[in-house]
């Protein structure tokens, strides 16, 4: 039974504040297979002051680091507040720093994460089977108890997108002229594309969601 990646978008994060910090390797933070596959988000230590500045309501931040060759490395992590830390620093898993950057200390930019991804186990993935675009999902399935998520789309292992107006878990070729499924570079351009129906199945590898209800909201 396959795993499904669930992408969670936070509509309240439109123009998050970006803060420059010093990223420091921390050997006490795990970075194993679960973190690499995003079954569990990696942890990042920050000060209470930086947490207040970033205001990550879901407890998730996005870290961007520029490598020496100019390319950028991104890490989405769950925060752990540490009273002993300085406002202008962040501690990241030592395994990540060594594997992706080859350094133990560097400049980075952090912000509240607009979206993040969790990989569900096969058992949890099966709970999504039969749900359709437009259906609601209990956020506890991705560790967000009290939240409700709206399914907005998804794709299969070949990248074929789910379309809301095709019923069932079917697959077919359609002539498309607009998103989802095709983004024409010229007006009037059409193309035949392989697409999926609006229902999650064992062929689905990614489900896109957006937060529509938060704890305490009506």
N, C-alpha and C. Protein backbone atom coordinates (compact mmCIF):
# COMPACT_ATOMS: atom_id res chain seq x y z
N UNK A 1 0.85 -1.20 0.00
CA UNK A 1 0.00 0.00 0.00
C UNK A 1 0.89 1.25 0.00
N UNK A 2 0.68 2.19 -0.92
CA UNK A 2 1.57 3.35 -1.05
C UNK A 2 1.35 4.40 0.04
N UNK A 3 2.34 5.26 0.18
CA UNK A 3 2.25 6.41 1.08
C UNK A 3 1.73 7.61 0.29
N UNK A 4 1.05 8.51 0.99
CA UNK A 4 0.56 9.74 0.37
C UNK A 4 1.20 10.94 1.06
N UNK A 5 1.68 11.86 0.24
CA UNK A 5 2.20 13.12 0.77
C UNK A 5 1.06 14.13 0.82
N UNK A 6 0.86 14.73 1.98
CA UNK A 6 -0.19 15.73 2.14
C UNK A 6 0.45 17.11 2.26
N UNK A 7 0.09 18.00 1.35
CA UNK A 7 0.59 19.38 1.38
C UNK A 7 -0.45 20.23 2.09
N UNK A 8 -0.04 20.92 3.15
CA UNK A 8 -0.95 21.77 3.93
C UNK A 8 -0.59 23.22 3.67
N UNK A 9 -1.53 23.99 3.13
CA UNK A 9 -1.31 25.42 2.89
C UNK A 9 -2.05 26.23 3.93
N UNK A 10 -1.40 27.27 4.43
CA UNK A 10 -1.99 28.15 5.43
C UNK A 10 -2.39 29.46 4.76
N UNK A 11 -3.69 29.70 4.53
CA UNK A 11 -4.11 30.90 3.80
C UNK A 11 -3.85 32.20 4.55
N UNK A 12 -3.56 32.13 5.85
CA UNK A 12 -3.29 33.34 6.62
C UNK A 12 -1.87 33.85 6.40
N UNK A 13 -1.02 33.01 5.80
CA UNK A 13 0.37 33.42 5.55
C UNK A 13 0.46 33.93 4.12
N UNK A 14 0.41 35.24 3.97
CA UNK A 14 0.47 35.85 2.64
C UNK A 14 1.81 36.54 2.39
N UNK A 15 2.21 37.39 3.31
CA UNK A 15 3.50 38.06 3.20
C UNK A 15 4.23 37.90 4.53
N UNK A 16 4.76 36.71 4.79
CA UNK A 16 5.41 36.47 6.09
C UNK A 16 6.67 37.31 6.26
N UNK A 17 6.88 37.71 7.50
CA UNK A 17 8.09 38.48 7.81
C UNK A 17 9.31 37.59 7.72
N UNK A 18 10.34 38.06 7.02
CA UNK A 18 11.59 37.31 6.88
C UNK A 18 12.62 37.89 7.83
N UNK A 19 13.31 37.02 8.54
CA UNK A 19 14.31 37.45 9.53
C UNK A 19 15.63 36.75 9.24
N UNK A 20 16.70 37.53 9.18
CA UNK A 20 18.02 36.96 8.97
C UNK A 20 18.60 36.51 10.31
N UNK A 21 19.15 35.31 10.33
CA UNK A 21 19.69 34.73 11.55
C UNK A 21 20.99 33.98 11.24
N UNK A 22 21.65 33.54 12.30
CA UNK A 22 22.80 32.65 12.16
C UNK A 22 22.32 31.24 12.48
N UNK A 23 22.49 30.33 11.51
CA UNK A 23 22.09 28.93 11.71
C UNK A 23 23.29 28.15 12.26
N UNK A 24 23.04 27.41 13.35
CA UNK A 24 24.11 26.68 14.03
C UNK A 24 23.71 25.21 14.13
N UNK A 25 24.67 24.32 13.83
CA UNK A 25 24.40 22.88 13.91
C UNK A 25 24.19 22.45 15.36
N UNK A 26 23.19 21.57 15.56
CA UNK A 26 22.85 21.09 16.89
C UNK A 26 22.77 19.57 16.84
N UNK A 27 23.71 18.90 17.50
CA UNK A 27 23.77 17.44 17.46
C UNK A 27 22.63 16.77 18.22
N UNK A 28 21.92 17.51 19.05
CA UNK A 28 20.82 16.92 19.83
C UNK A 28 19.52 16.84 19.04
N UNK A 29 19.47 17.48 17.87
CA UNK A 29 18.26 17.47 17.05
C UNK A 29 18.34 16.33 16.04
N UNK A 30 17.33 15.44 16.00
CA UNK A 30 17.39 14.28 15.10
C UNK A 30 17.24 14.66 13.64
N UNK A 31 17.89 13.88 12.78
CA UNK A 31 17.74 14.04 11.34
C UNK A 31 17.94 12.67 10.68
N UNK A 32 16.98 11.79 10.92
CA UNK A 32 17.05 10.45 10.38
C UNK A 32 16.15 10.28 9.18
N UNK A 33 15.80 9.05 8.86
CA UNK A 33 15.00 8.76 7.68
C UNK A 33 13.60 9.36 7.77
N UNK A 34 13.01 9.38 8.97
CA UNK A 34 11.67 9.96 9.11
C UNK A 34 11.68 11.45 8.79
N UNK A 35 12.72 12.15 9.24
CA UNK A 35 12.82 13.58 8.95
C UNK A 35 13.11 13.83 7.47
N UNK A 36 13.98 13.01 6.88
CA UNK A 36 14.34 13.19 5.47
C UNK A 36 13.15 12.91 4.54
N UNK A 37 12.31 11.94 4.92
CA UNK A 37 11.14 11.60 4.10
C UNK A 37 9.93 12.42 4.48
N UNK A 38 10.08 13.29 5.49
CA UNK A 38 9.02 14.19 5.96
C UNK A 38 7.84 13.44 6.58
N UNK A 39 8.11 12.23 7.08
CA UNK A 39 7.09 11.58 7.90
C UNK A 39 6.97 12.33 9.22
N UNK A 40 8.08 12.92 9.61
CA UNK A 40 8.14 13.79 10.77
C UNK A 40 8.91 15.04 10.38
N UNK A 41 8.41 16.21 10.74
CA UNK A 41 9.15 17.43 10.43
C UNK A 41 10.40 17.52 11.29
N UNK A 42 11.53 17.94 10.70
CA UNK A 42 12.73 18.19 11.50
C UNK A 42 12.45 19.27 12.54
N UNK A 43 13.22 19.26 13.60
CA UNK A 43 13.07 20.25 14.67
C UNK A 43 14.10 21.37 14.50
N UNK A 44 13.71 22.58 14.92
CA UNK A 44 14.61 23.73 14.93
C UNK A 44 14.43 24.48 16.24
N UNK A 45 15.52 24.79 16.90
CA UNK A 45 15.46 25.53 18.16
C UNK A 45 15.53 27.03 17.89
N UNK A 46 14.62 27.79 18.49
CA UNK A 46 14.65 29.24 18.39
C UNK A 46 14.32 29.86 19.75
N UNK A 47 14.63 31.11 19.90
CA UNK A 47 14.34 31.81 21.16
C UNK A 47 12.87 32.21 21.21
N UNK A 48 12.31 32.40 22.40
CA UNK A 48 10.94 32.88 22.53
C UNK A 48 10.72 34.23 21.83
N UNK A 49 11.75 35.07 21.83
CA UNK A 49 11.64 36.38 21.17
C UNK A 49 11.48 36.21 19.67
N UNK A 50 12.29 35.32 19.07
CA UNK A 50 12.18 35.09 17.62
C UNK A 50 10.84 34.44 17.29
N UNK A 51 10.36 33.57 18.14
CA UNK A 51 9.05 32.96 17.93
C UNK A 51 7.96 34.04 17.89
N UNK A 52 8.05 35.01 18.80
CA UNK A 52 7.07 36.09 18.83
C UNK A 52 7.13 36.93 17.57
N UNK A 53 8.32 37.15 17.05
CA UNK A 53 8.49 37.94 15.83
C UNK A 53 7.90 37.21 14.63
N UNK A 54 8.20 35.91 14.51
CA UNK A 54 7.75 35.13 13.36
C UNK A 54 6.27 34.77 13.44
N UNK A 55 5.77 34.57 14.66
CA UNK A 55 4.37 34.21 14.90
C UNK A 55 3.93 32.98 14.11
N UNK A 56 4.64 31.85 14.25
CA UNK A 56 4.25 30.63 13.52
C UNK A 56 3.11 29.91 14.25
N UNK A 57 1.89 30.22 13.91
CA UNK A 57 0.74 29.69 14.63
C UNK A 57 0.66 28.17 14.59
N UNK A 58 1.17 27.56 13.52
CA UNK A 58 1.17 26.11 13.42
C UNK A 58 2.44 25.51 14.01
N UNK A 59 3.34 26.37 14.48
CA UNK A 59 4.60 25.89 15.02
C UNK A 59 5.58 25.45 13.96
N UNK A 60 5.38 25.92 12.72
CA UNK A 60 6.22 25.49 11.60
C UNK A 60 6.84 26.71 10.93
N UNK A 61 8.14 26.63 10.66
CA UNK A 61 8.84 27.73 10.00
C UNK A 61 9.59 27.21 8.78
N UNK A 62 9.90 28.12 7.89
CA UNK A 62 10.67 27.82 6.69
C UNK A 62 12.03 28.49 6.81
N UNK A 63 13.09 27.70 6.59
CA UNK A 63 14.46 28.21 6.68
C UNK A 63 15.10 28.12 5.31
N UNK A 64 15.70 29.20 4.86
CA UNK A 64 16.40 29.22 3.57
C UNK A 64 17.85 29.60 3.80
N UNK A 65 18.73 28.78 3.25
CA UNK A 65 20.16 29.00 3.41
C UNK A 65 20.82 29.01 2.03
N UNK A 66 21.68 29.99 1.78
CA UNK A 66 22.40 30.05 0.50
C UNK A 66 23.74 29.34 0.64
N UNK A 67 24.00 28.42 -0.30
CA UNK A 67 25.26 27.69 -0.30
C UNK A 67 26.36 28.54 -0.95
N UNK A 68 27.57 28.07 -0.86
CA UNK A 68 28.71 28.82 -1.41
C UNK A 68 28.62 28.96 -2.92
N UNK A 69 27.96 27.99 -3.61
CA UNK A 69 27.84 28.07 -5.06
C UNK A 69 26.67 28.94 -5.51
N UNK A 70 25.98 29.56 -4.55
CA UNK A 70 24.87 30.46 -4.87
C UNK A 70 23.51 29.81 -4.84
N UNK A 71 23.45 28.48 -4.87
CA UNK A 71 22.16 27.78 -4.80
C UNK A 71 21.59 27.87 -3.39
N UNK A 72 20.30 27.65 -3.28
CA UNK A 72 19.63 27.77 -1.99
C UNK A 72 19.10 26.42 -1.52
N UNK A 73 19.19 26.21 -0.23
CA UNK A 73 18.66 25.01 0.41
C UNK A 73 17.53 25.43 1.34
N UNK A 74 16.41 24.71 1.26
CA UNK A 74 15.26 25.05 2.08
C UNK A 74 14.96 23.92 3.05
N UNK A 75 14.60 24.29 4.26
CA UNK A 75 14.18 23.32 5.27
C UNK A 75 12.93 23.84 5.95
N UNK A 76 11.91 23.02 6.02
CA UNK A 76 10.70 23.35 6.78
C UNK A 76 10.78 22.57 8.08
N UNK A 77 10.66 23.25 9.20
CA UNK A 77 10.90 22.60 10.48
C UNK A 77 9.87 23.01 11.53
N UNK A 78 9.69 22.14 12.50
CA UNK A 78 8.83 22.42 13.65
C UNK A 78 9.69 23.07 14.73
N UNK A 79 9.20 24.14 15.31
CA UNK A 79 10.02 24.89 16.26
C UNK A 79 10.00 24.29 17.66
N UNK A 80 11.13 24.45 18.33
CA UNK A 80 11.26 24.15 19.75
C UNK A 80 11.83 25.40 20.39
N UNK A 81 11.11 26.01 21.32
CA UNK A 81 11.61 27.23 21.94
C UNK A 81 12.62 26.91 23.03
N UNK A 82 13.65 27.76 23.11
CA UNK A 82 14.74 27.56 24.06
C UNK A 82 15.10 28.90 24.67
N UNK A 83 14.85 29.04 25.97
CA UNK A 83 15.09 30.30 26.67
C UNK A 83 16.55 30.73 26.63
N UNK A 84 17.46 29.78 26.46
CA UNK A 84 18.89 30.10 26.52
C UNK A 84 19.42 30.67 25.21
N UNK A 85 18.60 30.67 24.16
CA UNK A 85 19.08 31.08 22.86
C UNK A 85 18.96 32.58 22.61
N UNK A 86 19.81 33.09 21.72
CA UNK A 86 19.76 34.49 21.34
C UNK A 86 18.72 34.69 20.24
N UNK A 87 18.18 35.88 20.16
CA UNK A 87 17.15 36.20 19.16
C UNK A 87 17.65 35.99 17.74
N UNK A 88 18.91 36.31 17.49
CA UNK A 88 19.44 36.28 16.13
C UNK A 88 20.06 34.98 15.70
N UNK A 89 19.71 33.87 16.37
CA UNK A 89 20.26 32.58 15.96
C UNK A 89 19.18 31.51 15.93
N UNK A 90 19.47 30.45 15.20
CA UNK A 90 18.57 29.30 15.12
C UNK A 90 19.45 28.06 15.09
N UNK A 91 19.03 27.02 15.76
CA UNK A 91 19.79 25.78 15.78
C UNK A 91 19.06 24.73 14.95
N UNK A 92 19.80 24.14 14.00
CA UNK A 92 19.25 23.15 13.08
C UNK A 92 19.95 21.81 13.29
N UNK A 93 19.32 20.71 12.86
CA UNK A 93 19.95 19.40 13.02
C UNK A 93 21.35 19.35 12.41
N UNK A 94 22.29 18.84 13.18
CA UNK A 94 23.66 18.75 12.69
C UNK A 94 23.74 17.90 11.42
N UNK A 95 22.93 16.84 11.35
CA UNK A 95 22.92 15.98 10.17
C UNK A 95 22.52 16.73 8.92
N UNK A 96 21.52 17.61 9.03
CA UNK A 96 21.09 18.42 7.90
C UNK A 96 22.19 19.40 7.47
N UNK A 97 22.79 20.07 8.45
CA UNK A 97 23.82 21.07 8.15
C UNK A 97 25.01 20.43 7.43
N UNK A 98 25.42 19.28 7.87
CA UNK A 98 26.58 18.62 7.26
C UNK A 98 26.23 18.05 5.89
N UNK A 99 25.06 17.42 5.79
CA UNK A 99 24.68 16.76 4.53
C UNK A 99 24.36 17.76 3.43
N UNK A 100 23.62 18.80 3.76
CA UNK A 100 23.16 19.74 2.74
C UNK A 100 24.08 20.94 2.53
N UNK A 101 24.82 21.32 3.58
CA UNK A 101 25.60 22.55 3.51
C UNK A 101 27.09 22.34 3.69
N UNK A 102 27.46 21.29 4.41
CA UNK A 102 28.88 21.03 4.64
C UNK A 102 29.52 21.98 5.63
N UNK A 103 28.71 22.67 6.43
CA UNK A 103 29.22 23.59 7.44
C UNK A 103 28.42 23.41 8.73
N UNK A 104 28.93 23.97 9.80
CA UNK A 104 28.23 23.89 11.08
C UNK A 104 27.70 25.24 11.54
N UNK A 105 27.96 26.27 10.73
CA UNK A 105 27.50 27.61 11.09
C UNK A 105 27.42 28.44 9.82
N UNK A 106 26.29 29.12 9.59
CA UNK A 106 26.13 29.92 8.38
C UNK A 106 24.97 30.90 8.54
N UNK A 107 24.86 31.82 7.61
CA UNK A 107 23.75 32.77 7.62
C UNK A 107 22.51 32.12 7.01
N UNK A 108 21.34 32.48 7.52
CA UNK A 108 20.09 31.92 7.02
C UNK A 108 18.98 32.94 7.14
N UNK A 109 17.87 32.65 6.49
CA UNK A 109 16.68 33.49 6.54
C UNK A 109 15.50 32.62 6.97
N UNK A 110 14.74 33.08 7.94
CA UNK A 110 13.62 32.28 8.44
C UNK A 110 12.32 33.08 8.34
N UNK A 111 11.23 32.34 8.22
CA UNK A 111 9.91 32.96 8.17
C UNK A 111 8.85 31.93 8.52
N UNK A 112 7.67 32.41 8.83
CA UNK A 112 6.54 31.52 9.06
C UNK A 112 6.24 30.77 7.77
N UNK A 113 6.06 29.46 7.84
CA UNK A 113 5.90 28.65 6.65
C UNK A 113 4.52 28.83 6.01
N UNK A 114 4.45 29.23 4.72
CA UNK A 114 3.16 29.34 4.03
C UNK A 114 2.53 27.98 3.79
N UNK A 115 3.38 26.95 3.66
CA UNK A 115 2.89 25.58 3.43
C UNK A 115 3.98 24.60 3.85
N UNK A 116 3.56 23.37 4.08
CA UNK A 116 4.52 22.33 4.40
C UNK A 116 3.91 20.99 4.02
N UNK A 117 4.74 19.95 4.07
CA UNK A 117 4.32 18.64 3.58
C UNK A 117 4.60 17.57 4.62
N UNK A 118 3.64 16.66 4.79
CA UNK A 118 3.78 15.52 5.68
C UNK A 118 3.53 14.25 4.88
N UNK A 119 4.39 13.25 5.03
CA UNK A 119 4.20 11.96 4.37
C UNK A 119 3.49 11.01 5.33
N UNK A 120 2.31 10.56 4.94
CA UNK A 120 1.53 9.67 5.78
C UNK A 120 1.98 8.22 5.62
N UNK A 121 1.83 7.45 6.68
CA UNK A 121 2.08 6.02 6.62
C UNK A 121 1.03 5.38 5.72
N UNK A 122 1.29 4.18 5.20
CA UNK A 122 0.28 3.50 4.38
C UNK A 122 -1.06 3.37 5.09
N UNK A 123 -1.03 3.10 6.40
CA UNK A 123 -2.28 2.95 7.16
C UNK A 123 -3.06 4.25 7.18
N UNK A 124 -2.38 5.36 7.46
CA UNK A 124 -3.07 6.66 7.47
C UNK A 124 -3.48 7.07 6.06
N UNK A 125 -2.64 6.75 5.07
CA UNK A 125 -2.96 7.10 3.69
C UNK A 125 -4.27 6.47 3.25
N UNK A 126 -4.51 5.24 3.68
CA UNK A 126 -5.73 4.53 3.28
C UNK A 126 -7.00 5.21 3.79
N UNK A 127 -6.86 6.03 4.84
CA UNK A 127 -8.03 6.74 5.37
C UNK A 127 -8.49 7.85 4.43
N UNK A 128 -7.64 8.21 3.48
CA UNK A 128 -8.01 9.26 2.51
C UNK A 128 -8.69 8.68 1.27
N UNK A 129 -8.58 7.36 1.08
CA UNK A 129 -9.15 6.74 -0.12
C UNK A 129 -10.66 6.98 -0.16
N UNK A 130 -11.14 7.37 -1.32
CA UNK A 130 -12.57 7.62 -1.51
C UNK A 130 -12.97 9.06 -1.28
N UNK A 131 -12.09 9.85 -0.64
CA UNK A 131 -12.39 11.27 -0.47
C UNK A 131 -12.17 12.00 -1.79
N UNK A 132 -12.90 13.09 -1.97
CA UNK A 132 -12.85 13.83 -3.24
C UNK A 132 -12.38 15.26 -3.03
N UNK A 133 -12.01 15.90 -4.11
CA UNK A 133 -11.72 17.33 -4.08
C UNK A 133 -12.97 18.05 -3.58
N UNK A 134 -12.78 18.89 -2.57
CA UNK A 134 -13.91 19.59 -1.96
C UNK A 134 -14.34 18.98 -0.64
N UNK A 135 -13.83 17.77 -0.33
CA UNK A 135 -14.15 17.13 0.95
C UNK A 135 -13.25 17.68 2.06
N UNK A 136 -13.72 17.53 3.30
CA UNK A 136 -12.98 17.99 4.46
C UNK A 136 -12.23 16.82 5.09
N UNK A 137 -11.08 17.13 5.68
CA UNK A 137 -10.25 16.14 6.37
C UNK A 137 -9.93 16.66 7.76
N UNK A 138 -10.02 15.78 8.75
CA UNK A 138 -9.64 16.14 10.12
C UNK A 138 -8.12 16.35 10.16
N UNK A 139 -7.69 17.51 10.64
CA UNK A 139 -6.28 17.85 10.66
C UNK A 139 -5.43 16.95 11.54
N UNK A 140 -6.06 16.18 12.41
CA UNK A 140 -5.28 15.30 13.29
C UNK A 140 -4.49 14.26 12.51
N UNK A 141 -4.91 13.97 11.28
CA UNK A 141 -4.21 12.97 10.47
C UNK A 141 -2.80 13.43 10.12
N UNK A 142 -2.56 14.75 10.16
CA UNK A 142 -1.22 15.28 9.90
C UNK A 142 -0.65 15.98 11.14
N UNK A 143 -1.26 15.67 12.29
CA UNK A 143 -0.75 16.24 13.54
C UNK A 143 -1.29 17.61 13.89
N UNK A 144 -2.39 18.02 13.24
CA UNK A 144 -2.99 19.33 13.51
C UNK A 144 -4.37 19.13 14.14
N UNK A 145 -4.40 18.69 15.38
CA UNK A 145 -5.66 18.45 16.07
C UNK A 145 -6.43 19.76 16.23
N UNK A 146 -7.73 19.70 15.96
CA UNK A 146 -8.57 20.89 16.07
C UNK A 146 -8.68 21.67 14.78
N UNK A 147 -7.90 21.29 13.77
CA UNK A 147 -7.94 21.95 12.47
C UNK A 147 -8.74 21.11 11.48
N UNK A 148 -9.31 21.78 10.49
CA UNK A 148 -9.99 21.10 9.40
C UNK A 148 -9.32 21.51 8.09
N UNK A 149 -9.10 20.54 7.22
CA UNK A 149 -8.42 20.77 5.95
C UNK A 149 -9.37 20.48 4.79
N UNK A 150 -9.31 21.31 3.78
CA UNK A 150 -10.11 21.13 2.57
C UNK A 150 -9.22 20.57 1.46
N UNK A 151 -9.64 19.47 0.87
CA UNK A 151 -8.88 18.90 -0.25
C UNK A 151 -9.10 19.75 -1.50
N UNK A 152 -8.01 20.25 -2.07
CA UNK A 152 -8.11 21.13 -3.24
C UNK A 152 -7.56 20.49 -4.52
N UNK A 153 -6.86 19.37 -4.38
CA UNK A 153 -6.31 18.72 -5.56
C UNK A 153 -5.33 17.64 -5.18
N UNK A 154 -4.58 17.18 -6.15
CA UNK A 154 -3.61 16.13 -5.91
C UNK A 154 -3.03 15.64 -7.22
N UNK A 155 -2.23 14.58 -7.13
CA UNK A 155 -1.61 14.03 -8.34
C UNK A 155 -1.19 12.59 -8.11
N UNK A 156 -0.90 11.87 -9.22
CA UNK A 156 -0.43 10.50 -9.11
C UNK A 156 1.08 10.46 -9.27
N UNK A 157 1.67 9.25 -9.28
CA UNK A 157 3.12 9.13 -9.32
C UNK A 157 3.73 9.63 -10.63
N UNK A 158 2.93 9.74 -11.68
CA UNK A 158 3.42 10.27 -12.95
C UNK A 158 3.24 11.79 -13.03
N UNK A 159 2.65 12.38 -11.99
CA UNK A 159 2.43 13.82 -11.97
C UNK A 159 1.11 14.25 -12.58
N UNK A 160 0.27 13.29 -12.98
CA UNK A 160 -1.03 13.64 -13.57
C UNK A 160 -1.92 14.26 -12.49
N UNK A 161 -2.49 15.43 -12.74
CA UNK A 161 -3.27 16.12 -11.71
C UNK A 161 -4.69 15.58 -11.58
N UNK A 162 -5.24 15.68 -10.37
CA UNK A 162 -6.65 15.39 -10.16
C UNK A 162 -7.47 16.60 -10.59
N UNK A 163 -8.56 16.36 -11.33
CA UNK A 163 -9.43 17.45 -11.78
C UNK A 163 -10.77 17.35 -11.07
N UNK A 164 -11.28 18.47 -10.56
CA UNK A 164 -12.51 18.45 -9.75
C UNK A 164 -13.76 18.04 -10.50
N UNK A 165 -13.79 18.21 -11.84
CA UNK A 165 -15.01 17.95 -12.60
C UNK A 165 -15.04 16.55 -13.23
N UNK A 166 -14.04 15.71 -12.93
CA UNK A 166 -14.06 14.33 -13.41
C UNK A 166 -14.36 13.41 -12.24
N UNK A 167 -15.51 12.78 -12.17
CA UNK A 167 -15.86 11.96 -11.01
C UNK A 167 -15.09 10.66 -10.95
N UNK A 168 -14.82 10.22 -9.71
CA UNK A 168 -14.20 8.92 -9.49
C UNK A 168 -12.68 8.93 -9.56
N UNK A 169 -12.04 7.77 -9.33
CA UNK A 169 -10.58 7.65 -9.36
C UNK A 169 -10.05 7.25 -10.74
N UNK A 170 -10.72 7.70 -11.78
CA UNK A 170 -10.39 7.27 -13.14
C UNK A 170 -9.17 8.01 -13.67
N UNK A 171 -8.66 7.52 -14.81
CA UNK A 171 -7.58 8.21 -15.53
C UNK A 171 -7.97 8.29 -17.00
N UNK A 172 -7.67 9.42 -17.60
CA UNK A 172 -8.02 9.59 -19.01
C UNK A 172 -7.22 10.74 -19.61
N UNK A 173 -7.26 10.82 -20.95
CA UNK A 173 -6.66 11.95 -21.66
C UNK A 173 -7.74 12.96 -21.98
N UNK A 174 -7.45 14.23 -21.71
CA UNK A 174 -8.39 15.30 -22.02
C UNK A 174 -7.66 16.40 -22.77
N UNK A 175 -8.40 17.11 -23.60
CA UNK A 175 -7.86 18.28 -24.28
C UNK A 175 -8.08 19.48 -23.37
N UNK A 176 -6.99 20.03 -22.83
CA UNK A 176 -7.07 21.11 -21.85
C UNK A 176 -6.59 22.43 -22.45
N UNK A 177 -7.19 23.52 -21.96
CA UNK A 177 -6.79 24.85 -22.41
C UNK A 177 -6.45 25.78 -21.25
N UNK A 178 -6.57 25.27 -20.00
CA UNK A 178 -6.32 26.10 -18.83
C UNK A 178 -6.03 25.21 -17.62
N UNK A 179 -5.54 25.80 -16.52
CA UNK A 179 -5.32 25.04 -15.30
C UNK A 179 -6.66 24.57 -14.72
N UNK A 180 -6.63 23.53 -13.86
CA UNK A 180 -5.46 22.73 -13.50
C UNK A 180 -5.13 21.72 -14.59
N UNK A 181 -3.90 21.31 -14.63
CA UNK A 181 -3.49 20.30 -15.60
C UNK A 181 -2.69 20.85 -16.76
N UNK A 182 -2.93 22.13 -17.12
CA UNK A 182 -2.22 22.72 -18.26
C UNK A 182 -2.17 24.23 -18.10
N UNK A 183 -0.97 24.78 -18.23
CA UNK A 183 -0.77 26.23 -18.13
C UNK A 183 -0.27 26.73 -19.48
N UNK A 184 -1.18 27.16 -20.36
CA UNK A 184 -0.77 27.59 -21.71
C UNK A 184 0.11 28.83 -21.68
N UNK A 185 1.14 28.82 -22.53
CA UNK A 185 2.03 29.97 -22.63
C UNK A 185 1.51 30.99 -23.63
N UNK A 186 0.55 30.55 -24.45
CA UNK A 186 -0.05 31.45 -25.43
C UNK A 186 -1.57 31.35 -25.34
N UNK A 187 -2.26 32.43 -25.57
CA UNK A 187 -3.72 32.44 -25.52
C UNK A 187 -4.30 31.54 -26.61
N UNK A 188 -5.24 30.71 -26.21
CA UNK A 188 -5.89 29.82 -27.15
C UNK A 188 -5.19 28.48 -27.36
N UNK A 189 -4.02 28.33 -26.74
CA UNK A 189 -3.26 27.09 -26.89
C UNK A 189 -3.94 25.96 -26.11
N UNK A 190 -4.05 24.78 -26.73
CA UNK A 190 -4.66 23.62 -26.07
C UNK A 190 -3.72 22.42 -26.22
N UNK A 191 -3.85 21.50 -25.28
CA UNK A 191 -3.00 20.31 -25.33
C UNK A 191 -3.71 19.13 -24.68
N UNK A 192 -3.49 17.96 -25.26
CA UNK A 192 -4.07 16.75 -24.69
C UNK A 192 -3.16 16.27 -23.56
N UNK A 193 -3.73 16.13 -22.37
CA UNK A 193 -2.95 15.78 -21.18
C UNK A 193 -3.59 14.59 -20.46
N UNK A 194 -2.75 13.82 -19.81
CA UNK A 194 -3.20 12.71 -18.99
C UNK A 194 -3.61 13.26 -17.63
N UNK A 195 -4.83 12.96 -17.18
CA UNK A 195 -5.34 13.51 -15.92
C UNK A 195 -6.01 12.41 -15.10
N UNK A 196 -6.28 12.75 -13.86
CA UNK A 196 -6.96 11.85 -12.93
C UNK A 196 -8.31 12.44 -12.51
N UNK A 197 -9.18 11.56 -12.04
CA UNK A 197 -10.47 12.02 -11.53
C UNK A 197 -10.32 12.68 -10.17
N UNK A 198 -11.44 13.09 -9.59
CA UNK A 198 -11.41 13.91 -8.38
C UNK A 198 -11.34 13.12 -7.08
N UNK A 199 -11.14 11.79 -7.16
CA UNK A 199 -11.21 10.94 -5.98
C UNK A 199 -9.85 10.34 -5.64
N UNK A 200 -9.50 10.39 -4.36
CA UNK A 200 -8.23 9.84 -3.88
C UNK A 200 -8.28 8.31 -3.93
N UNK A 201 -7.21 7.71 -4.44
CA UNK A 201 -7.15 6.26 -4.57
C UNK A 201 -5.73 5.77 -4.27
N UNK A 202 -5.48 4.48 -4.47
CA UNK A 202 -4.15 3.92 -4.26
C UNK A 202 -3.13 4.45 -5.27
N UNK A 203 -3.59 5.04 -6.36
CA UNK A 203 -2.69 5.63 -7.36
C UNK A 203 -2.27 7.05 -6.99
N UNK A 204 -2.92 7.62 -5.99
CA UNK A 204 -2.62 9.00 -5.58
C UNK A 204 -1.36 9.02 -4.73
N UNK A 205 -0.44 9.92 -5.03
CA UNK A 205 0.78 10.04 -4.22
C UNK A 205 0.86 11.39 -3.51
N UNK A 206 0.05 12.36 -3.95
CA UNK A 206 0.05 13.66 -3.28
C UNK A 206 -1.36 14.22 -3.21
N UNK A 207 -1.72 14.73 -2.05
CA UNK A 207 -3.01 15.39 -1.86
C UNK A 207 -2.75 16.81 -1.37
N UNK A 208 -3.31 17.80 -2.04
CA UNK A 208 -3.14 19.19 -1.66
C UNK A 208 -4.34 19.64 -0.81
N UNK A 209 -4.03 20.31 0.29
CA UNK A 209 -5.10 20.77 1.18
C UNK A 209 -4.85 22.21 1.61
N UNK A 210 -5.89 22.84 2.13
CA UNK A 210 -5.78 24.18 2.68
C UNK A 210 -6.55 24.21 4.00
N UNK A 211 -6.02 24.93 4.97
CA UNK A 211 -6.67 25.03 6.27
C UNK A 211 -7.91 25.92 6.15
N UNK A 212 -9.06 25.40 6.59
CA UNK A 212 -10.30 26.17 6.52
C UNK A 212 -10.93 26.37 7.90
N UNK A 213 -10.44 25.64 8.89
CA UNK A 213 -10.96 25.81 10.26
C UNK A 213 -9.84 25.59 11.25
N UNK A 214 -9.80 26.48 12.26
CA UNK A 214 -8.77 26.42 13.30
C UNK A 214 -9.40 26.18 14.66
N UNK A 215 -8.63 25.73 15.63
CA UNK A 215 -9.18 25.51 16.97
C UNK A 215 -9.85 26.76 17.52
N UNK A 216 -11.07 26.61 18.01
CA UNK A 216 -11.80 27.74 18.58
C UNK A 216 -12.65 28.51 17.60
N UNK A 217 -12.44 28.29 16.27
CA UNK A 217 -13.26 28.99 15.28
C UNK A 217 -14.58 28.28 15.07
N UNK A 218 -15.58 29.01 14.62
CA UNK A 218 -16.92 28.44 14.41
C UNK A 218 -17.05 27.96 12.96
